[in-house]
C-alpha atoms as a PDB file:
ATOM      1  CA  UNK A   1      10.002 -15.811  -0.049  1.00  0.00           C
ATOM      2  CA  UNK A   2      12.823 -12.364   1.087  1.00  0.00           C
ATOM      3  CA  UNK A   3      11.980  -9.709   2.435  1.00  0.00           C
ATOM      4  CA  UNK A   4      13.385  -7.534  -0.128  1.00  0.00           C
ATOM      5  CA  UNK A   5      11.150  -9.346  -2.912  1.00  0.00           C
ATOM      6  CA  UNK A   6       7.888  -8.813  -0.333  1.00  0.00           C
ATOM      7  CA  UNK A   7       8.359  -5.198   0.125  1.00  0.00           C
ATOM      8  CA  UNK A   8       8.628  -4.483  -3.234  1.00  0.00           C
ATOM      9  CA  UNK A   9       3.923  -6.013  -3.848  1.00  0.00           C
ATOM     10  CA  UNK A  10       3.389  -4.988  -0.732  1.00  0.00           C
ATOM     11  CA  UNK A  11       2.457  -2.504   1.068  1.00  0.00           C
ATOM     12  CA  UNK A  12      -1.198  -4.218  11.615  1.00  0.00           C
ATOM     13  CA  UNK A  13      -4.163  -3.723  14.450  1.00  0.00           C
ATOM     14  CA  UNK A  14      -5.799  -0.300  15.471  1.00  0.00           C
ATOM     15  CA  UNK A  15      -8.134  -2.803  17.431  1.00  0.00           C
ATOM     16  CA  UNK A  16     -10.793  -0.496  19.738  1.00  0.00           C
ATOM     17  CA  UNK A  17     -11.658  -1.741  22.815  1.00  0.00           C
ATOM     18  CA  UNK A  18     -15.060  -1.156  22.558  1.00  0.00           C
ATOM     19  CA  UNK A  19     -17.698  -4.202  22.683  1.00  0.00           C
ATOM     20  CA  UNK A  20     -20.069  -3.006  19.157  1.00  0.00           C
ATOM     21  CA  UNK A  21     -20.520  -5.601  17.569  1.00  0.00           C
ATOM     22  CA  UNK A  22     -19.550  -5.301  13.767  1.00  0.00           C
ATOM     23  CA  UNK A  23     -22.143  -4.854  11.409  1.00  0.00           C
ATOM     24  CA  UNK A  24     -21.938  -5.001   7.777  1.00  0.00           C
ATOM     25  CA  UNK A  25     -22.191  -1.605   4.962  1.00  0.00           C
ATOM     26  CA  UNK A  26     -24.229  -1.316   2.433  1.00  0.00           C
ATOM     27  CA  UNK A  27     -22.479   0.319  -0.810  1.00  0.00           C
ATOM     28  CA  UNK A  28     -18.779  -0.248   0.120  1.00  0.00           C
ATOM     29  CA  UNK A  29     -17.168   0.500  -3.203  1.00  0.00           C
ATOM     30  CA  UNK A  30     -19.578   3.994  -2.728  1.00  0.00           C
ATOM     31  CA  UNK A  31     -17.859   4.600   0.577  1.00  0.00           C
ATOM     32  CA  UNK A  32     -14.476   4.130   0.407  1.00  0.00           C
ATOM     33  CA  UNK A  33     -14.558   6.092  -2.995  1.00  0.00           C
ATOM     34  CA  UNK A  34     -16.137   8.464  -0.813  1.00  0.00           C
ATOM     35  CA  UNK A  35     -13.613   8.725   1.395  1.00  0.00           C
ATOM     36  CA  UNK A  36     -10.500   8.558  -0.913  1.00  0.00           C
ATOM     37  CA  UNK A  37     -11.719  11.336  -3.332  1.00  0.00           C
ATOM     38  CA  UNK A  38     -10.375  14.117  -1.460  1.00  0.00           C
ATOM     39  CA  UNK A  39      -7.882  12.531  -0.654  1.00  0.00           C
ATOM     40  CA  UNK A  40      -4.870  14.520  -2.396  1.00  0.00           C
ATOM     41  CA  UNK A  41      -1.445  13.575  -0.799  1.00  0.00           C
ATOM     42  CA  UNK A  42      -0.734  11.254   2.228  1.00  0.00           C
ATOM     43  CA  UNK A  43       1.995  11.008   3.747  1.00  0.00           C
ATOM     44  CA  UNK A  44       3.123   8.542   7.271  1.00  0.00           C
ATOM     45  CA  UNK A  45       5.356   7.059   8.871  1.00  0.00           C
ATOM     46  CA  UNK A  46       4.893   2.739   8.626  1.00  0.00           C
ATOM     47  CA  UNK A  47       5.725   0.022  10.218  1.00  0.00           C
ATOM     48  CA  UNK A  48       5.220  -3.406   8.541  1.00  0.00           C
ATOM     49  CA  UNK A  49       4.776  -7.245   9.261  1.00  0.00           C
ATOM     50  CA  UNK A  50       5.010 -10.182   7.272  1.00  0.00           C
ATOM     51  CA  UNK A  51       2.687 -12.808   8.910  1.00  0.00           C
ATOM     52  CA  UNK A  52       2.219 -16.756   8.113  1.00  0.00           C
ATOM     53  CA  UNK A  53      -0.829 -18.772   7.644  1.00  0.00           C
ATOM     54  CA  UNK A  54      -1.291 -19.642  11.819  1.00  0.00           C
ATOM     55  CA  UNK A  55      -0.395 -15.785  12.214  1.00  0.00           C
ATOM     56  CA  UNK A  56       3.697 -16.190  13.320  1.00  0.00           C
ATOM     57  CA  UNK A  57       5.810 -13.296  13.064  1.00  0.00           C
ATOM     58  CA  UNK A  58       8.164 -13.921   9.755  1.00  0.00           C
ATOM     59  CA  UNK A  59       9.376 -11.022   9.183  1.00  0.00           C
ATOM     60  CA  UNK A  60       9.888  -6.868  10.242  1.00  0.00           C
ATOM     61  CA  UNK A  61      10.081  -3.566   8.337  1.00  0.00           C
ATOM     62  CA  UNK A  62       9.751   0.227   9.488  1.00  0.00           C
ATOM     63  CA  UNK A  63       9.753   3.354   6.975  1.00  0.00           C
ATOM     64  CA  UNK A  64       8.292   6.528   5.056  1.00  0.00           C
ATOM     65  CA  UNK A  65       5.656   6.982   2.780  1.00  0.00           C
ATOM     66  CA  UNK A  66       4.053   9.336   0.753  1.00  0.00           C
ATOM     67  CA  UNK A  67       1.315   9.151  -1.832  1.00  0.00           C
ATOM     68  CA  UNK A  68       0.161  12.350  -4.420  1.00  0.00           C
ATOM     69  CA  UNK A  69      -2.567  11.245  -6.865  1.00  0.00           C
ATOM     70  CA  UNK A  70      -2.610  10.299  -8.903  1.00  0.00           C
ATOM     71  CA  UNK A  71      -0.023   7.545  -9.533  1.00  0.00           C
ATOM     72  CA  UNK A  72       2.990   9.063  -7.881  1.00  0.00           C
ATOM     73  CA  UNK A  73       4.471   6.995  -4.782  1.00  0.00           C
ATOM     74  CA  UNK A  74       7.370   6.443  -2.457  1.00  0.00           C
ATOM     75  CA  UNK A  75       8.230   4.358  -0.529  1.00  0.00           C
ATOM     76  CA  UNK A  76      11.159   4.191   1.688  1.00  0.00           C
ATOM     77  CA  UNK A  77      12.526   1.099   4.066  1.00  0.00           C
ATOM     78  CA  UNK A  78      14.687   2.507   6.896  1.00  0.00           C
ATOM     79  CA  UNK A  79      15.120  -0.505   9.366  1.00  0.00           C
ATOM     80  CA  UNK A  80      16.096  -4.015   8.955  1.00  0.00           C
ATOM     81  CA  UNK A  81      17.674  -2.588   5.686  1.00  0.00           C
ATOM     82  CA  UNK A  82      17.687   0.783   3.535  1.00  0.00           C
ATOM     83  CA  UNK A  83      15.231  -0.121   0.591  1.00  0.00           C
ATOM     84  CA  UNK A  84      13.124   2.853  -2.225  1.00  0.00           C
ATOM     85  CA  UNK A  85      10.547   2.124  -4.153  1.00  0.00           C
ATOM     86  CA  UNK A  86       9.389   4.979  -6.903  1.00  0.00           C
ATOM     87  CA  UNK A  87       6.781   5.567  -8.845  1.00  0.00           C
ATOM     88  CA  UNK A  88       6.561   8.670 -10.866  1.00  0.00           C
ATOM     89  CA  UNK A  89       3.526   8.491 -12.795  1.00  0.00           C
ATOM     90  CA  UNK A  90       4.617   6.721 -15.167  1.00  0.00           C
ATOM     91  CA  UNK A  91       7.654   4.036 -14.142  1.00  0.00           C
ATOM     92  CA  UNK A  92       7.951   2.169 -10.943  1.00  0.00           C
ATOM     93  CA  UNK A  93      11.281   2.283 -10.120  1.00  0.00           C
ATOM     94  CA  UNK A  94      13.063  -0.504  -6.749  1.00  0.00           C
ATOM     95  CA  UNK A  95      15.775   0.568  -5.783  1.00  0.00           C
ATOM     96  CA  UNK A  96      18.103  -1.248  -3.255  1.00  0.00           C
ATOM     97  CA  UNK A  97      21.508  -0.023  -1.844  1.00  0.00           C
ATOM     98  CA  UNK A  98      23.270  -2.780  -0.681  1.00  0.00           C
ATOM     99  CA  UNK A  99      22.856  -4.563  -3.709  1.00  0.00           C
ATOM    100  CA  UNK A 100      23.839  -1.072  -5.866  1.00  0.00           C
ATOM    101  CA  UNK A 101      20.804  -1.470  -7.820  1.00  0.00           C
ATOM    102  CA  UNK A 102      17.915  -0.690  -9.410  1.00  0.00           C
ATOM    103  CA  UNK A 103      14.384  -2.362 -10.757  1.00  0.00           C
ATOM    104  CA  UNK A 104      12.581   0.001 -13.653  1.00  0.00           C
ATOM    105  CA  UNK A 105       9.661  -0.698 -15.373  1.00  0.00           C
ATOM    106  CA  UNK A 106       6.312   0.748 -16.295  1.00  0.00           C
ATOM    107  CA  UNK A 107       3.253   1.627 -14.185  1.00  0.00           C
ATOM    108  CA  UNK A 108       1.318  -0.996 -16.070  1.00  0.00           C
ATOM    109  CA  UNK A 109      -2.061  -1.989 -15.160  1.00  0.00           C
ATOM    110  CA  UNK A 110      -0.496  -5.309 -12.419  1.00  0.00           C
ATOM    111  CA  UNK A 111       1.503  -2.983 -11.053  1.00  0.00           C
ATOM    112  CA  UNK A 112      -1.893  -0.699 -10.610  1.00  0.00           C
ATOM    113  CA  UNK A 113      -2.944  -3.296  -8.538  1.00  0.00           C
ATOM    114  CA  UNK A 114      -0.281  -3.648  -5.403  1.00  0.00           C
ATOM    115  CA  UNK A 115      -2.075  -1.699  -2.603  1.00  0.00           C
ATOM    116  CA  UNK A 116       0.303   0.782  -2.266  1.00  0.00           C
ATOM    117  CA  UNK A 117       0.202   2.215  -6.072  1.00  0.00           C
ATOM    118  CA  UNK A 118      -3.515   1.295  -5.571  1.00  0.00           C
ATOM    119  CA  UNK A 119      -3.972   3.842  -2.859  1.00  0.00           C
ATOM    120  CA  UNK A 120      -2.306   6.253  -5.862  1.00  0.00           C
ATOM    121  CA  UNK A 121      -4.732   5.644  -7.878  1.00  0.00           C
ATOM    122  CA  UNK A 122      -8.367   6.639  -9.088  1.00  0.00           C
ATOM    123  CA  UNK A 123     -10.706   6.193  -6.446  1.00  0.00           C
ATOM    124  CA  UNK A 124     -13.030   5.510  -9.120  1.00  0.00           C
ATOM    125  CA  UNK A 125     -11.341   2.441 -10.835  1.00  0.00           C
ATOM    126  CA  UNK A 126     -11.964   0.843  -7.312  1.00  0.00           C
ATOM    127  CA  UNK A 127     -15.750   0.103  -8.701  1.00  0.00           C
ATOM    128  CA  UNK A 128     -14.780  -1.434 -12.018  1.00  0.00           C
ATOM    129  CA  UNK A 129     -11.941  -3.456 -10.711  1.00  0.00           C
ATOM    130  CA  UNK A 130     -12.297  -5.014  -7.059  1.00  0.00           C
ATOM    131  CA  UNK A 131     -15.088  -6.115  -4.786  1.00  0.00           C
ATOM    132  CA  UNK A 132     -15.850  -3.739  -2.214  1.00  0.00           C
ATOM    133  CA  UNK A 133     -17.440  -4.799   1.075  1.00  0.00           C
ATOM    134  CA  UNK A 134     -17.683  -2.811   4.631  1.00  0.00           C
ATOM    135  CA  UNK A 135     -17.724  -2.977   8.171  1.00  0.00           C
ATOM    136  CA  UNK A 136     -17.714  -1.025  11.119  1.00  0.00           C
ATOM    137  CA  UNK A 137     -16.934  -1.261  14.945  1.00  0.00           C
ATOM    138  CA  UNK A 138     -17.032   1.981  17.093  1.00  0.00           C
ATOM    139  CA  UNK A 139     -15.090   4.475  14.949  1.00  0.00           C
ATOM    140  CA  UNK A 140     -12.760   2.114  12.699  1.00  0.00           C
ATOM    141  CA  UNK A 141     -13.980   1.164   9.239  1.00  0.00           C
ATOM    142  CA  UNK A 142     -12.898  -1.535   7.513  1.00  0.00           C
ATOM    143  CA  UNK A 143     -12.942  -2.093   3.781  1.00  0.00           C
ATOM    144  CA  UNK A 144     -12.241  -5.253   2.429  1.00  0.00           C
ATOM    145  CA  UNK A 145     -11.576  -5.411  -1.262  1.00  0.00           C
ATOM    146  CA  UNK A 146     -11.233  -8.912  -3.365  1.00  0.00           C
ATOM    147  CA  UNK A 147      -9.901  -8.395  -6.494  1.00  0.00           C
ATOM    148  CA  UNK A 148     -11.741  -9.076 -10.462  1.00  0.00           C
ATOM    149  CA  UNK A 149      -9.382 -10.118 -12.545  1.00  0.00           C
ATOM    150  CA  UNK A 150      -7.524 -12.239 -11.646  1.00  0.00           C
ATOM    151  CA  UNK A 151      -3.410 -11.849 -12.082  1.00  0.00           C
ATOM    152  CA  UNK A 152      -2.713  -9.933  -9.307  1.00  0.00           C
ATOM    153  CA  UNK A 153      -0.834 -10.092  -6.603  1.00  0.00           C
ATOM    154  CA  UNK A 154      -3.107 -10.600  -3.356  1.00  0.00           C
ATOM    155  CA  UNK A 155      -5.935 -12.084  -3.111  1.00  0.00           C
ATOM    156  CA  UNK A 156      -7.257  -9.793  -0.707  1.00  0.00           C
ATOM    157  CA  UNK A 157      -6.718  -6.276   0.799  1.00  0.00           C
ATOM    158  CA  UNK A 158      -7.944  -4.816   3.770  1.00  0.00           C
ATOM    159  CA  UNK A 159      -8.383  -0.768   4.606  1.00  0.00           C
ATOM    160  CA  UNK A 160      -9.361   0.051   8.053  1.00  0.00           C
ATOM    161  CA  UNK A 161     -10.369   4.118   8.567  1.00  0.00           C
ATOM    162  CA  UNK A 162     -10.450   5.238  12.212  1.00  0.00           C
ATOM    163  CA  UNK A 163     -12.693   8.231  11.920  1.00  0.00           C
ATOM    164  CA  UNK A 164     -11.610   8.463   8.337  1.00  0.00           C
ATOM    165  CA  UNK A 165      -8.079   8.080   8.133  1.00  0.00           C
ATOM    166  CA  UNK A 166      -6.673   5.530   6.878  1.00  0.00           C
ATOM    167  CA  UNK A 167      -4.447   3.566   9.387  1.00  0.00           C
ATOM    168  CA  UNK A 168      -3.982  -0.108   8.533  1.00  0.00           C
ATOM    169  CA  UNK A 169      -3.604  -2.089   5.517  1.00  0.00           C
ATOM    170  CA  UNK A 170      -3.579  -5.758   5.256  1.00  0.00           C
ATOM    171  CA  UNK A 171      -2.881  -7.753   2.145  1.00  0.00           C
ATOM    172  CA  UNK A 172      -3.358 -11.902   1.996  1.00  0.00           C
ATOM    173  CA  UNK A 173      -1.950 -14.004  -0.867  1.00  0.00           C
ATOM    174  CA  UNK A 174      -3.009 -17.179  -2.201  1.00  0.00           C
ATOM    175  CA  UNK A 175      -0.517 -18.826  -0.004  1.00  0.00           C
ATOM    176  CA  UNK A 176      -2.130 -17.262   3.177  1.00  0.00           C
ATOM    177  CA  UNK A 177       0.959 -15.111   3.580  1.00  0.00           C
ATOM    178  CA  UNK A 178      -0.186 -11.645   5.510  1.00  0.00           C
ATOM    179  CA  UNK A 179       1.302  -8.045   4.690  1.00  0.00           C
ATOM    180  CA  UNK A 180      -0.226  -6.252   7.569  1.00  0.00           C
ATOM    181  CA  UNK A 181       1.190  -1.727   7.765  1.00  0.00           C
ATOM    182  CA  UNK A 182       0.177   0.211  10.156  1.00  0.00           C
ATOM    183  CA  UNK A 183       0.461   4.126   9.287  1.00  0.00           C
ATOM    184  CA  UNK A 184       1.116   6.609  11.903  1.00  0.00           C
ATOM    185  CA  UNK A 185       2.228  10.039  12.482  1.00  0.00           C
ATOM    186  CA  UNK A 186      -0.524  10.457   9.164  1.00  0.00           C
ATOM    187  CA  UNK A 187      -0.495  14.455   7.092  1.00  0.00           C
ATOM    188  CA  UNK A 188      -3.175  14.368   4.685  1.00  0.00           C
ATOM    189  CA  UNK A 189      -3.145  17.226   2.000  1.00  0.00           C
ATOM    190  CA  UNK A 190      -0.525  18.559   2.667  1.00  0.00           C
ATOM    191  CA  UNK A 191       1.770  20.314   0.552  1.00  0.00           C
ATOM    192  CA  UNK A 192       3.728  17.546  -1.266  1.00  0.00           C
ATOM    193  CA  UNK A 193       7.207  18.611  -3.696  1.00  0.00           C
ATOM    194  CA  UNK A 194       7.332  16.366  -6.966  1.00  0.00           C
ATOM    195  CA  UNK A 195      10.966  16.247  -6.764  1.00  0.00           C
ATOM    196  CA  UNK A 196       9.851  13.654  -3.702  1.00  0.00           C
ATOM    197  CA  UNK A 197       9.010  10.988  -6.554  1.00  0.00           C
ATOM    198  CA  UNK A 198      11.791  11.125  -8.820  1.00  0.00           C
ATOM    199  CA  UNK A 199      14.808   8.964  -8.072  1.00  0.00           C
ATOM    200  CA  UNK A 200      18.641  10.511  -9.056  1.00  0.00           C
ATOM    201  CA  UNK A 201      19.991   7.069  -9.063  1.00  0.00           C
ATOM    202  CA  UNK A 202      24.428   7.066  -7.941  1.00  0.00           C
ATOM    203  CA  UNK A 203      26.467   6.917 -11.179  1.00  0.00           C
ATOM    204  CA  UNK A 204      27.801   3.201 -10.236  1.00  0.00           C
ATOM    205  CA  UNK A 205      24.235   1.474  -9.952  1.00  0.00           C
ATOM    206  CA  UNK A 206      23.519  -1.332 -11.921  1.00  0.00           C
ATOM    207  CA  UNK A 207      20.186  -0.451 -13.110  1.00  0.00           C
ATOM    208  CA  UNK A 208      17.461  -3.525 -14.576  1.00  0.00           C
ATOM    209  CA  UNK A 209      14.817  -2.590 -17.165  1.00  0.00           C
ATOM    210  CA  UNK A 210      11.474  -4.635 -17.371  1.00  0.00           C
ATOM    211  CA  UNK A 211       8.751  -4.461 -20.298  1.00  0.00           C
ATOM    212  CA  UNK A 212       5.512  -4.666 -19.099  1.00  0.00           C
END
C-alpha cells in the first residue's frame, strides 16, 4: 500500500513514565461521548507513522489538521510531499498537487468510518456503531473502538487522551498494519473560519467524482 493510499484512509506514543497499573473503566462509550461532546473545533500539528505488524516503520508524514463538528475536516500533509483531504460536511475531497488530481466523493456511511471523520462526527454515533472500552494509566486514558459493521477501513481504533485532551490516535487494519498519529500544539474550541473547509482547486486539476 502506498503512502498516498494510506493517507486517504487514516487518520504515537504519549506514554507517561508512571508505574501505575492500567485499570479497566466501565461505560467506555459513555465516557468517550462525554469527552468528545464539548469538542466543537480542534486544531493540531500531527506526526504520522505507518508501522508493519512487527512495529517497523514503513512510512512517515507530518502536517496539520482542523476539525469543526459536525462533519467538517481538513487534513494537510506537508512532508514528505503535499496532500490535502477536506470535508465540507457533504463531500470529501482528496487533492494531490503532485499528480494535479482530486478525487471527490459523498460523505457516506463508509467514509464516516475513517478515523479523521469519525472525530468530526456525532459523539452519540459511537455507541451505535462501535464497541468501546477504556483503560487508564496516570493522566492518560485510552479508548479502544471496534467497529460493529464488517465493511470498515480498520479493525481497531485507539484514542488516547492526556488530561482529557486528545493527543494520540492509532488505527490497525486487517493485515496488522498500524497508522499511529501523535497530535501536538493542540487548540480546542477556538474560532475557525468555515472557508478552511472549502477547497479551491486549480483550473488544470483532473477531477474524479466517485459515487457512494
